[in-house]
Amino acid sequence: MDSATDSEVLEIFRRTGALLSGHFVLRSGLHSGHFFQCAQVCQRMPEVERLAELLVTKLQRAGVGLYSTVLAPAMGGLVIGQEVARRTGSRYVFAEKDNNVLVLRRGFTFAPGERVLVVEDVITRGGRVAECVDIIRRGGAIPVAVAVLVDRSSGQARFEIPCVSLLELSFPTYAPDRLPEELAAIPATKPGS
């Protein structure tokens, strides 16, 4: 992706208040001085449409094969997943937590051999995406790729299928017992995702 697109995406996140600074506890349990609260950008449909347009274009340029369904994990991937599905004319389903494990509910199923794209907002370690890939395989379908708005894993989140991110940023993350002094001096918040 070119630097003009990177700049546009960062500007969208900043303008909508989705890129925060402070002391945050991430879903992974790691701590960071930055947090992507994608819910802030996802309440503004013109920005969601633009981000999905850029993400779909990047998927096409990456040669991601055909898929007929988009699966997104609740909550973070819901809005962007639905918009990617709308733009590509795909069926849209989502996974949600049941006893802290992602599952398909509400009668959602996959047909044998159905080709599925996983869409998420932000990944740090990629645990929820990995859960979605497992759900697809257990359902007899074929996971074709992962598409995310922001990969903050520094390329460390790996899947057995291609992963395309709209933006890659690697803000440092820290184990709770290894916080730098400047971060430890700020009360931690867990804003949710």
C-alpha atoms as a PDB file:
ATOM      1  CA  MET A   1       0.000   0.000   0.000  1.00  0.00           C
ATOM      2  CA  ASP A   2       1.290   3.456  -0.757  1.00  0.00           C
ATOM      3  CA  SER A   3       2.073   6.108   1.812  1.00  0.00           C
ATOM      4  CA  ALA A   4      -0.826   8.290   0.605  1.00  0.00           C
ATOM      5  CA  THR A   5      -3.267   5.501   1.481  1.00  0.00           C
ATOM      6  CA  ASP A   6      -1.539   4.873   4.828  1.00  0.00           C
ATOM      7  CA  SER A   7      -1.836   8.597   5.595  1.00  0.00           C
ATOM      8  CA  GLU A   8      -5.514   8.625   4.626  1.00  0.00           C
ATOM      9  CA  VAL A   9      -6.285   5.633   6.849  1.00  0.00           C
ATOM     10  CA  LEU A  10      -4.389   7.118   9.818  1.00  0.00           C
ATOM     11  CA  GLU A  11      -6.191  10.427   9.327  1.00  0.00           C
ATOM     12  CA  ILE A  12      -9.561   8.639   9.394  1.00  0.00           C
ATOM     13  CA  PHE A  13      -8.617   6.925  12.681  1.00  0.00           C
ATOM     14  CA  ARG A  14      -7.367  10.154  14.254  1.00  0.00           C
ATOM     15  CA  ARG A  15     -10.283  12.298  13.053  1.00  0.00           C
ATOM     16  CA  THR A  16     -12.861   9.874  14.416  1.00  0.00           C
ATOM     17  CA  GLY A  17     -11.108   9.397  17.767  1.00  0.00           C
ATOM     18  CA  ALA A  18     -10.337   5.750  17.052  1.00  0.00           C
ATOM     19  CA  LEU A  19      -6.590   6.039  17.740  1.00  0.00           C
ATOM     20  CA  LEU A  20      -6.109   6.701  21.465  1.00  0.00           C
ATOM     21  CA  SER A  21      -3.034   7.409  23.603  1.00  0.00           C
ATOM     22  CA  GLY A  22      -2.667   6.577  27.322  1.00  0.00           C
ATOM     23  CA  HIS A  23      -2.226   3.276  29.208  1.00  0.00           C
ATOM     24  CA  PHE A  24      -4.419   0.441  27.975  1.00  0.00           C
ATOM     25  CA  VAL A  25      -4.911  -3.228  28.738  1.00  0.00           C
ATOM     26  CA  LEU A  26      -5.500  -5.021  25.441  1.00  0.00           C
ATOM     27  CA  ARG A  27      -7.789  -8.048  24.969  1.00  0.00           C
ATOM     28  CA  SER A  28      -4.609 -10.139  24.780  1.00  0.00           C
ATOM     29  CA  GLY A  29      -3.715  -9.078  28.348  1.00  0.00           C
ATOM     30  CA  LEU A  30      -0.736  -7.064  27.123  1.00  0.00           C
ATOM     31  CA  HIS A  31      -0.404  -3.363  27.955  1.00  0.00           C
ATOM     32  CA  SER A  32       0.147  -0.550  25.457  1.00  0.00           C
ATOM     33  CA  GLY A  33       0.405   3.223  25.272  1.00  0.00           C
ATOM     34  CA  HIS A  34      -1.893   3.192  22.204  1.00  0.00           C
ATOM     35  CA  PHE A  35      -5.284   1.679  21.529  1.00  0.00           C
ATOM     36  CA  PHE A  36      -7.425   1.359  18.432  1.00  0.00           C
ATOM     37  CA  GLN A  37     -11.039   1.868  19.453  1.00  0.00           C
ATOM     38  CA  CYS A  38     -12.482   0.978  16.074  1.00  0.00           C
ATOM     39  CA  ALA A  39     -16.009   1.396  17.431  1.00  0.00           C
ATOM     40  CA  GLN A  40     -15.359   5.138  17.154  1.00  0.00           C
ATOM     41  CA  VAL A  41     -14.700   4.977  13.422  1.00  0.00           C
ATOM     42  CA  CYS A  42     -17.418   2.367  12.874  1.00  0.00           C
ATOM     43  CA  GLN A  43     -20.167   4.729  14.008  1.00  0.00           C
ATOM     44  CA  ARG A  44     -19.470   6.897  10.942  1.00  0.00           C
ATOM     45  CA  MET A  45     -20.680   5.126   7.827  1.00  0.00           C
ATOM     46  CA  PRO A  46     -18.876   7.261   5.213  1.00  0.00           C
ATOM     47  CA  GLU A  47     -15.570   6.363   6.907  1.00  0.00           C
ATOM     48  CA  VAL A  48     -16.561   2.687   7.211  1.00  0.00           C
ATOM     49  CA  GLU A  49     -17.437   2.636   3.510  1.00  0.00           C
ATOM     50  CA  ARG A  50     -14.077   4.170   2.607  1.00  0.00           C
ATOM     51  CA  LEU A  51     -12.083   1.780   4.815  1.00  0.00           C
ATOM     52  CA  ALA A  52     -13.954  -1.214   3.383  1.00  0.00           C
ATOM     53  CA  GLU A  53     -13.375   0.059  -0.152  1.00  0.00           C
ATOM     54  CA  LEU A  54      -9.640   0.295   0.519  1.00  0.00           C
ATOM     55  CA  LEU A  55      -9.575  -3.126   2.206  1.00  0.00           C
ATOM     56  CA  VAL A  56     -11.447  -4.851  -0.637  1.00  0.00           C
ATOM     57  CA  THR A  57      -9.092  -3.238  -3.160  1.00  0.00           C
ATOM     58  CA  LYS A  58      -6.095  -4.489  -1.195  1.00  0.00           C
ATOM     59  CA  LEU A  59      -7.594  -8.009  -1.050  1.00  0.00           C
ATOM     60  CA  GLN A  60      -8.023  -7.976  -4.829  1.00  0.00           C
ATOM     61  CA  ARG A  61      -4.466  -6.732  -5.391  1.00  0.00           C
ATOM     62  CA  ALA A  62      -3.182  -9.478  -3.085  1.00  0.00           C
ATOM     63  CA  GLY A  63      -4.876 -12.055  -5.306  1.00  0.00           C
ATOM     64  CA  VAL A  64      -7.241 -13.364  -2.631  1.00  0.00           C
ATOM     65  CA  GLY A  65      -9.418 -15.973  -4.315  1.00  0.00           C
ATOM     66  CA  LEU A  66     -13.159 -16.058  -4.553  1.00  0.00           C
ATOM     67  CA  TYR A  67     -15.294 -16.363  -1.442  1.00  0.00           C
ATOM     68  CA  SER A  68     -19.046 -16.379  -0.986  1.00  0.00           C
ATOM     69  CA  THR A  69     -19.267 -15.629   2.728  1.00  0.00           C
ATOM     70  CA  VAL A  70     -17.721 -13.211   5.204  1.00  0.00           C
ATOM     71  CA  LEU A  71     -17.353 -14.272   8.856  1.00  0.00           C
ATOM     72  CA  ALA A  72     -16.596 -11.634  11.492  1.00  0.00           C
ATOM     73  CA  PRO A  73     -16.025 -12.067  15.220  1.00  0.00           C
ATOM     74  CA  ALA A  74     -18.304 -10.034  17.477  1.00  0.00           C
ATOM     75  CA  MET A  75     -17.909  -7.284  18.532  1.00  0.00           C
ATOM     76  CA  GLY A  76     -14.952  -5.676  16.787  1.00  0.00           C
ATOM     77  CA  GLY A  77     -15.374  -7.163  13.328  1.00  0.00           C
ATOM     78  CA  LEU A  78     -19.142  -6.748  13.021  1.00  0.00           C
ATOM     79  CA  VAL A  79     -19.413  -3.408  11.238  1.00  0.00           C
ATOM     80  CA  ILE A  80     -16.417  -3.718   8.911  1.00  0.00           C
ATOM     81  CA  GLY A  81     -17.284  -7.357   8.168  1.00  0.00           C
ATOM     82  CA  GLN A  82     -20.798  -6.437   7.136  1.00  0.00           C
ATOM     83  CA  GLU A  83     -19.564  -3.603   4.914  1.00  0.00           C
ATOM     84  CA  VAL A  84     -16.982  -5.840   3.207  1.00  0.00           C
ATOM     85  CA  ALA A  85     -19.739  -8.408   2.596  1.00  0.00           C
ATOM     86  CA  ARG A  86     -22.048  -5.716   1.200  1.00  0.00           C
ATOM     87  CA  ARG A  87     -19.358  -4.401  -1.138  1.00  0.00           C
ATOM     88  CA  THR A  88     -18.521  -7.867  -2.444  1.00  0.00           C
ATOM     89  CA  GLY A  89     -22.080  -9.217  -2.601  1.00  0.00           C
ATOM     90  CA  SER A  90     -21.188 -11.943  -0.096  1.00  0.00           C
ATOM     91  CA  ARG A  91     -23.288 -13.609   2.581  1.00  0.00           C
ATOM     92  CA  TYR A  92     -22.486 -12.268   6.053  1.00  0.00           C
ATOM     93  CA  VAL A  93     -22.377 -14.199   9.332  1.00  0.00           C
ATOM     94  CA  PHE A  94     -20.734 -13.553  12.661  1.00  0.00           C
ATOM     95  CA  ALA A  95     -19.339 -15.521  15.567  1.00  0.00           C
ATOM     96  CA  GLU A  96     -20.094 -14.521  19.123  1.00  0.00           C
ATOM     97  CA  LYS A  97     -18.893 -15.515  22.565  1.00  0.00           C
ATOM     98  CA  ASP A  98     -20.450 -18.352  24.511  1.00  0.00           C
ATOM     99  CA  ASN A  99     -18.596 -19.037  27.779  1.00  0.00           C
ATOM    100  CA  ASN A 100     -15.742 -16.874  26.446  1.00  0.00           C
ATOM    101  CA  VAL A 101     -15.333 -19.009  23.293  1.00  0.00           C
ATOM    102  CA  LEU A 102     -16.399 -17.861  19.822  1.00  0.00           C
ATOM    103  CA  VAL A 103     -19.185 -19.941  18.275  1.00  0.00           C
ATOM    104  CA  LEU A 104     -21.727 -19.699  15.503  1.00  0.00           C
ATOM    105  CA  ARG A 105     -25.252 -19.178  16.840  1.00  0.00           C
ATOM    106  CA  ARG A 106     -28.559 -17.889  15.475  1.00  0.00           C
ATOM    107  CA  GLY A 107     -28.767 -20.766  13.011  1.00  0.00           C
ATOM    108  CA  PHE A 108     -25.612 -19.811  11.096  1.00  0.00           C
ATOM    109  CA  THR A 109     -23.972 -22.773   9.337  1.00  0.00           C
ATOM    110  CA  PHE A 110     -21.628 -23.360   6.417  1.00  0.00           C
ATOM    111  CA  ALA A 111     -22.191 -25.535   3.387  1.00  0.00           C
ATOM    112  CA  PRO A 112     -19.516 -28.163   2.695  1.00  0.00           C
ATOM    113  CA  GLY A 113     -16.718 -26.504   0.731  1.00  0.00           C
ATOM    114  CA  GLU A 114     -18.124 -22.979   1.159  1.00  0.00           C
ATOM    115  CA  ARG A 115     -15.327 -20.409   0.774  1.00  0.00           C
ATOM    116  CA  VAL A 116     -15.162 -17.948   3.681  1.00  0.00           C
ATOM    117  CA  LEU A 117     -13.244 -14.712   4.303  1.00  0.00           C
ATOM    118  CA  VAL A 118     -12.595 -13.731   7.946  1.00  0.00           C
ATOM    119  CA  VAL A 119     -12.826  -9.969   8.612  1.00  0.00           C
ATOM    120  CA  GLU A 120     -11.659  -8.363  11.879  1.00  0.00           C
ATOM    121  CA  ASP A 121     -10.990  -4.798  12.964  1.00  0.00           C
ATOM    122  CA  VAL A 122      -7.660  -5.068  14.868  1.00  0.00           C
ATOM    123  CA  ILE A 123      -5.315  -7.949  15.612  1.00  0.00           C
ATOM    124  CA  THR A 124      -2.527  -8.027  18.181  1.00  0.00           C
ATOM    125  CA  ARG A 125      -1.987 -11.744  18.602  1.00  0.00           C
ATOM    126  CA  GLY A 126      -4.775 -12.926  16.291  1.00  0.00           C
ATOM    127  CA  GLY A 127      -6.529 -15.226  18.756  1.00  0.00           C
ATOM    128  CA  ARG A 128     -10.086 -14.394  17.701  1.00  0.00           C
ATOM    129  CA  VAL A 129      -9.187 -14.740  14.029  1.00  0.00           C
ATOM    130  CA  ALA A 130      -7.670 -18.166  14.741  1.00  0.00           C
ATOM    131  CA  GLU A 131     -10.906 -19.139  16.504  1.00  0.00           C
ATOM    132  CA  CYS A 132     -12.882 -18.058  13.423  1.00  0.00           C
ATOM    133  CA  VAL A 133     -10.640 -20.108  11.127  1.00  0.00           C
ATOM    134  CA  ASP A 134     -11.257 -23.137  13.364  1.00  0.00           C
ATOM    135  CA  ILE A 135     -15.029 -22.528  13.281  1.00  0.00           C
ATOM    136  CA  ILE A 136     -14.947 -22.447   9.476  1.00  0.00           C
ATOM    137  CA  ARG A 137     -12.984 -25.693   9.231  1.00  0.00           C
ATOM    138  CA  ARG A 138     -15.132 -27.484  11.813  1.00  0.00           C
ATOM    139  CA  GLY A 139     -18.167 -26.390   9.803  1.00  0.00           C
ATOM    140  CA  GLY A 140     -16.799 -28.113   6.681  1.00  0.00           C
ATOM    141  CA  ALA A 141     -16.062 -24.843   4.880  1.00  0.00           C
ATOM    142  CA  ILE A 142     -12.788 -23.455   3.499  1.00  0.00           C
ATOM    143  CA  PRO A 143     -11.143 -20.376   5.038  1.00  0.00           C
ATOM    144  CA  VAL A 144      -9.588 -18.465   2.122  1.00  0.00           C
ATOM    145  CA  ALA A 145      -8.036 -15.420   3.811  1.00  0.00           C
ATOM    146  CA  VAL A 146      -8.116 -12.974   6.690  1.00  0.00           C
ATOM    147  CA  ALA A 147      -8.738  -9.250   6.193  1.00  0.00           C
ATOM    148  CA  VAL A 148      -8.110  -6.757   9.010  1.00  0.00           C
ATOM    149  CA  LEU A 149      -8.195  -3.008   9.282  1.00  0.00           C
ATOM    150  CA  VAL A 150      -5.160  -2.793  11.584  1.00  0.00           C
ATOM    151  CA  ASP A 151      -2.430  -5.355  12.222  1.00  0.00           C
ATOM    152  CA  ARG A 152      -0.592  -4.226  15.315  1.00  0.00           C
ATOM    153  CA  SER A 153       1.268  -7.531  15.691  1.00  0.00           C
ATOM    154  CA  SER A 154       4.423  -6.397  13.850  1.00  0.00           C
ATOM    155  CA  GLY A 155       3.802  -9.292  11.475  1.00  0.00           C
ATOM    156  CA  GLN A 156       3.880 -11.807  14.344  1.00  0.00           C
ATOM    157  CA  ALA A 157       0.242 -12.911  14.039  1.00  0.00           C
ATOM    158  CA  ARG A 158       0.386 -15.768  11.571  1.00  0.00           C
ATOM    159  CA  PHE A 159      -2.344 -17.910  10.137  1.00  0.00           C
ATOM    160  CA  GLU A 160      -2.316 -20.874   7.767  1.00  0.00           C
ATOM    161  CA  ILE A 161      -4.085 -18.697   5.193  1.00  0.00           C
ATOM    162  CA  PRO A 162      -3.181 -15.300   3.704  1.00  0.00           C
ATOM    163  CA  CYS A 163      -3.710 -12.247   5.914  1.00  0.00           C
ATOM    164  CA  VAL A 164      -4.234  -8.821   4.382  1.00  0.00           C
ATOM    165  CA  SER A 165      -4.233  -5.714   6.575  1.00  0.00           C
ATOM    166  CA  LEU A 166      -5.168  -2.214   5.579  1.00  0.00           C
ATOM    167  CA  LEU A 167      -2.640  -0.722   7.981  1.00  0.00           C
ATOM    168  CA  GLU A 168       0.296  -2.202   9.876  1.00  0.00           C
ATOM    169  CA  LEU A 169       1.399  -0.362  12.972  1.00  0.00           C
ATOM    170  CA  SER A 170       3.597  -1.790  15.650  1.00  0.00           C
ATOM    171  CA  PHE A 171       3.119   0.161  18.834  1.00  0.00           C
ATOM    172  CA  PRO A 172       5.045  -1.567  21.594  1.00  0.00           C
ATOM    173  CA  THR A 173       3.149  -3.906  23.905  1.00  0.00           C
ATOM    174  CA  TYR A 174       4.266  -5.058  27.331  1.00  0.00           C
ATOM    175  CA  ALA A 175       3.572  -7.878  29.744  1.00  0.00           C
ATOM    176  CA  PRO A 176       1.912  -6.541  32.929  1.00  0.00           C
ATOM    177  CA  ASP A 177       5.074  -7.190  34.960  1.00  0.00           C
ATOM    178  CA  ARG A 178       7.393  -5.486  32.430  1.00  0.00           C
ATOM    179  CA  LEU A 179       5.888  -2.017  32.039  1.00  0.00           C
ATOM    180  CA  PRO A 180       8.187   0.926  31.328  1.00  0.00           C
ATOM    181  CA  GLU A 181       8.129   3.588  34.076  1.00  0.00           C
ATOM    182  CA  GLU A 182       6.263   6.173  31.987  1.00  0.00           C
ATOM    183  CA  LEU A 183       3.446   3.713  31.263  1.00  0.00           C
ATOM    184  CA  ALA A 184       3.326   2.337  34.813  1.00  0.00           C
ATOM    185  CA  ALA A 185       2.831   5.913  36.079  1.00  0.00           C
ATOM    186  CA  ILE A 186      -0.499   6.178  34.202  1.00  0.00           C
ATOM    187  CA  PRO A 187      -3.571   4.314  35.496  1.00  0.00           C
ATOM    188  CA  ALA A 188      -4.470   1.486  33.097  1.00  0.00           C
ATOM    189  CA  THR A 189      -7.843   1.380  31.411  1.00  0.00           C
ATOM    190  CA  LYS A 190      -9.478  -1.435  29.474  1.00  0.00           C
ATOM    191  CA  PRO A 191     -11.609   0.379  26.930  1.00  0.00           C
ATOM    192  CA  GLY A 192     -12.934  -2.761  25.231  1.00  0.00           C
ATOM    193  CA  SER A 193     -12.854  -3.541  21.568  1.00  0.00           C
END
